Amino acid sequence: MPIIASAKKRVRTARKATVRNSKTKRSLKGALKVFDKSPSGKSISDAQSQIDRAAKKGVIHKNKAARLKSQAAKKAKAAGVKSTKSIKKAAPAKKATAKKSTAKKK
């Protein structure tokens, strides 16, 4: 056990981070297992979301996150599933605005 106050604080901080990281890892693994078991639009978007969250928090490396997302997309494509994120809604048409008429000098 450390004696110095800053080292004690570092131990407490590391313990909290370990718990937080393990929760993130567990949710990531769970989402990937659900997707592997039954690929669907909802499961792939959830898996990709968990991958992004883990990469953002620094639990996994960004290149690993990119690799996992690529593999998941490949599996989804083979299963004939489209991600709900990749389906874009049509943008509403913009209304034509009337131009202001300017007074012309005679």
C-alpha atoms as a PDB file:
ATOM      1  CA  MET A   1       0.000   0.000   0.000  1.00  0.00           C
ATOM      2  CA  PRO A   2       1.404   3.408  -0.920  1.00  0.00           C
ATOM      3  CA  ILE A   3       2.322   5.921   1.759  1.00  0.00           C
ATOM      4  CA  ILE A   4       2.358   9.155  -0.250  1.00  0.00           C
ATOM      5  CA  ALA A   5      -1.015  10.906  -0.612  1.00  0.00           C
ATOM      6  CA  SER A   6      -0.770  11.361  -4.369  1.00  0.00           C
ATOM      7  CA  ALA A   7       0.019   7.663  -4.805  1.00  0.00           C
ATOM      8  CA  LYS A   8      -3.001   6.767  -2.656  1.00  0.00           C
ATOM      9  CA  LYS A   9      -5.188   8.946  -4.841  1.00  0.00           C
ATOM     10  CA  ARG A  10      -3.717   7.325  -7.946  1.00  0.00           C
ATOM     11  CA  VAL A  11      -4.703   3.885  -6.587  1.00  0.00           C
ATOM     12  CA  ARG A  12      -8.281   5.070  -6.009  1.00  0.00           C
ATOM     13  CA  THR A  13      -8.461   6.619  -9.462  1.00  0.00           C
ATOM     14  CA  ALA A  14      -7.046   3.506 -11.120  1.00  0.00           C
ATOM     15  CA  ARG A  15      -9.586   1.335  -9.308  1.00  0.00           C
ATOM     16  CA  LYS A  16     -12.471   3.487 -10.574  1.00  0.00           C
ATOM     17  CA  ALA A  17     -11.080   3.463 -14.114  1.00  0.00           C
ATOM     18  CA  THR A  18     -10.698  -0.321 -14.006  1.00  0.00           C
ATOM     19  CA  VAL A  19     -14.361  -0.751 -13.091  1.00  0.00           C
ATOM     20  CA  ARG A  20     -15.451   1.710 -15.791  1.00  0.00           C
ATOM     21  CA  ASN A  21     -13.280   0.039 -18.447  1.00  0.00           C
ATOM     22  CA  SER A  22     -14.457  -3.452 -17.535  1.00  0.00           C
ATOM     23  CA  LYS A  23     -18.100  -2.362 -17.878  1.00  0.00           C
ATOM     24  CA  THR A  24     -17.355  -0.907 -21.307  1.00  0.00           C
ATOM     25  CA  LYS A  25     -15.540  -4.069 -22.397  1.00  0.00           C
ATOM     26  CA  ARG A  26     -18.364  -6.267 -21.122  1.00  0.00           C
ATOM     27  CA  SER A  27     -21.034  -4.295 -22.989  1.00  0.00           C
ATOM     28  CA  LEU A  28     -18.881  -4.376 -26.142  1.00  0.00           C
ATOM     29  CA  LYS A  29     -18.454  -8.149 -25.951  1.00  0.00           C
ATOM     30  CA  GLY A  30     -22.161  -8.613 -25.292  1.00  0.00           C
ATOM     31  CA  ALA A  31     -23.177  -6.498 -28.279  1.00  0.00           C
ATOM     32  CA  LEU A  32     -20.782  -8.382 -30.557  1.00  0.00           C
ATOM     33  CA  LYS A  33     -22.102 -11.740 -29.329  1.00  0.00           C
ATOM     34  CA  VAL A  34     -25.707 -10.687 -29.944  1.00  0.00           C
ATOM     35  CA  PHE A  35     -24.781  -9.566 -33.461  1.00  0.00           C
ATOM     36  CA  ASP A  36     -22.885 -12.800 -34.209  1.00  0.00           C
ATOM     37  CA  LYS A  37     -25.792 -14.902 -32.961  1.00  0.00           C
ATOM     38  CA  SER A  38     -28.483 -13.174 -35.011  1.00  0.00           C
ATOM     39  CA  PRO A  39     -27.405 -10.416 -37.419  1.00  0.00           C
ATOM     40  CA  SER A  40     -30.065  -7.745 -37.784  1.00  0.00           C
ATOM     41  CA  GLY A  41     -30.190  -4.024 -38.447  1.00  0.00           C
ATOM     42  CA  LYS A  42     -30.667  -3.207 -34.774  1.00  0.00           C
ATOM     43  CA  SER A  43     -27.917  -5.547 -33.571  1.00  0.00           C
ATOM     44  CA  ILE A  44     -25.326  -4.231 -36.035  1.00  0.00           C
ATOM     45  CA  SER A  45     -26.072  -0.608 -35.179  1.00  0.00           C
ATOM     46  CA  ASP A  46     -25.838  -1.458 -31.462  1.00  0.00           C
ATOM     47  CA  ALA A  47     -22.537  -3.298 -32.016  1.00  0.00           C
ATOM     48  CA  GLN A  48     -21.090  -0.409 -34.002  1.00  0.00           C
ATOM     49  CA  SER A  49     -22.220   2.027 -31.333  1.00  0.00           C
ATOM     50  CA  GLN A  50     -20.525  -0.005 -28.586  1.00  0.00           C
ATOM     51  CA  ILE A  51     -17.338  -0.267 -30.675  1.00  0.00           C
ATOM     52  CA  ASP A  52     -17.277   3.511 -31.168  1.00  0.00           C
ATOM     53  CA  ARG A  53     -17.912   4.117 -27.471  1.00  0.00           C
ATOM     54  CA  ALA A  54     -15.075   1.778 -26.425  1.00  0.00           C
ATOM     55  CA  ALA A  55     -12.672   3.431 -28.869  1.00  0.00           C
ATOM     56  CA  LYS A  56     -13.679   6.913 -27.691  1.00  0.00           C
ATOM     57  CA  LYS A  57     -13.043   5.981 -24.058  1.00  0.00           C
ATOM     58  CA  GLY A  58      -9.663   4.471 -24.959  1.00  0.00           C
ATOM     59  CA  VAL A  59     -10.598   0.933 -23.942  1.00  0.00           C
ATOM     60  CA  ILE A  60      -9.680  -0.363 -27.409  1.00  0.00           C
ATOM     61  CA  HIS A  61      -7.384   1.141 -30.011  1.00  0.00           C
ATOM     62  CA  LYS A  62      -8.959   3.141 -32.840  1.00  0.00           C
ATOM     63  CA  ASN A  63      -7.528   0.798 -35.482  1.00  0.00           C
ATOM     64  CA  LYS A  64      -8.991  -2.202 -33.667  1.00  0.00           C
ATOM     65  CA  ALA A  65     -12.334  -0.420 -33.592  1.00  0.00           C
ATOM     66  CA  ALA A  66     -12.136   0.182 -37.342  1.00  0.00           C
ATOM     67  CA  ARG A  67     -11.235  -3.464 -37.919  1.00  0.00           C
ATOM     68  CA  LEU A  68     -14.124  -4.725 -35.758  1.00  0.00           C
ATOM     69  CA  LYS A  69     -16.612  -2.452 -37.517  1.00  0.00           C
ATOM     70  CA  SER A  70     -15.349  -3.600 -40.908  1.00  0.00           C
ATOM     71  CA  GLN A  71     -15.682  -7.259 -39.936  1.00  0.00           C
ATOM     72  CA  ALA A  72     -19.183  -6.665 -38.583  1.00  0.00           C
ATOM     73  CA  ALA A  73     -20.208  -4.885 -41.794  1.00  0.00           C
ATOM     74  CA  LYS A  74     -18.846  -7.757 -43.857  1.00  0.00           C
ATOM     75  CA  LYS A  75     -20.836 -10.287 -41.801  1.00  0.00           C
ATOM     76  CA  ALA A  76     -23.962  -8.159 -42.094  1.00  0.00           C
ATOM     77  CA  LYS A  77     -23.567  -7.872 -45.848  1.00  0.00           C
ATOM     78  CA  ALA A  78     -23.136 -11.648 -46.148  1.00  0.00           C
ATOM     79  CA  ALA A  79     -26.294 -12.112 -44.074  1.00  0.00           C
ATOM     80  CA  GLY A  80     -28.178  -9.570 -46.204  1.00  0.00           C
ATOM     81  CA  VAL A  81     -28.651  -7.065 -43.381  1.00  0.00           C
ATOM     82  CA  LYS A  82     -28.398  -3.315 -43.760  1.00  0.00           C
ATOM     83  CA  SER A  83     -27.470  -1.049 -40.891  1.00  0.00           C
ATOM     84  CA  THR A  84     -30.143   1.322 -39.691  1.00  0.00           C
ATOM     85  CA  LYS A  85     -27.535   4.089 -39.712  1.00  0.00           C
ATOM     86  CA  SER A  86     -26.675   3.567 -43.384  1.00  0.00           C
ATOM     87  CA  ILE A  87     -30.290   4.022 -44.473  1.00  0.00           C
ATOM     88  CA  LYS A  88     -30.784   7.737 -44.947  1.00  0.00           C
ATOM     89  CA  LYS A  89     -34.120   9.464 -45.093  1.00  0.00           C
ATOM     90  CA  ALA A  90     -34.907  11.676 -48.046  1.00  0.00           C
ATOM     91  CA  ALA A  91     -34.322  15.316 -47.249  1.00  0.00           C
ATOM     92  CA  PRO A  92     -37.472  17.435 -47.344  1.00  0.00           C
ATOM     93  CA  ALA A  93     -37.733  19.593 -50.439  1.00  0.00           C
ATOM     94  CA  LYS A  94     -36.975  23.253 -49.858  1.00  0.00           C
ATOM     95  CA  LYS A  95     -39.700  25.724 -50.682  1.00  0.00           C
ATOM     96  CA  ALA A  96     -38.941  28.278 -53.349  1.00  0.00           C
ATOM     97  CA  THR A  97     -38.731  31.731 -51.829  1.00  0.00           C
ATOM     98  CA  ALA A  98     -40.108  34.692 -53.749  1.00  0.00           C
ATOM     99  CA  LYS A  99     -37.525  37.293 -54.639  1.00  0.00           C
ATOM    100  CA  LYS A 100     -38.070  40.809 -53.494  1.00  0.00           C
ATOM    101  CA  SER A 101     -38.876  43.155 -56.275  1.00  0.00           C
ATOM    102  CA  THR A 102     -36.659  46.172 -56.321  1.00  0.00           C
ATOM    103  CA  ALA A 103     -37.922  49.570 -57.335  1.00  0.00           C
ATOM    104  CA  LYS A 104     -36.348  50.733 -60.555  1.00  0.00           C
ATOM    105  CA  LYS A 105     -35.478  54.341 -61.126  1.00  0.00           C
ATOM    106  CA  LYS A 106     -37.000  56.037 -64.127  1.00  0.00           C
END
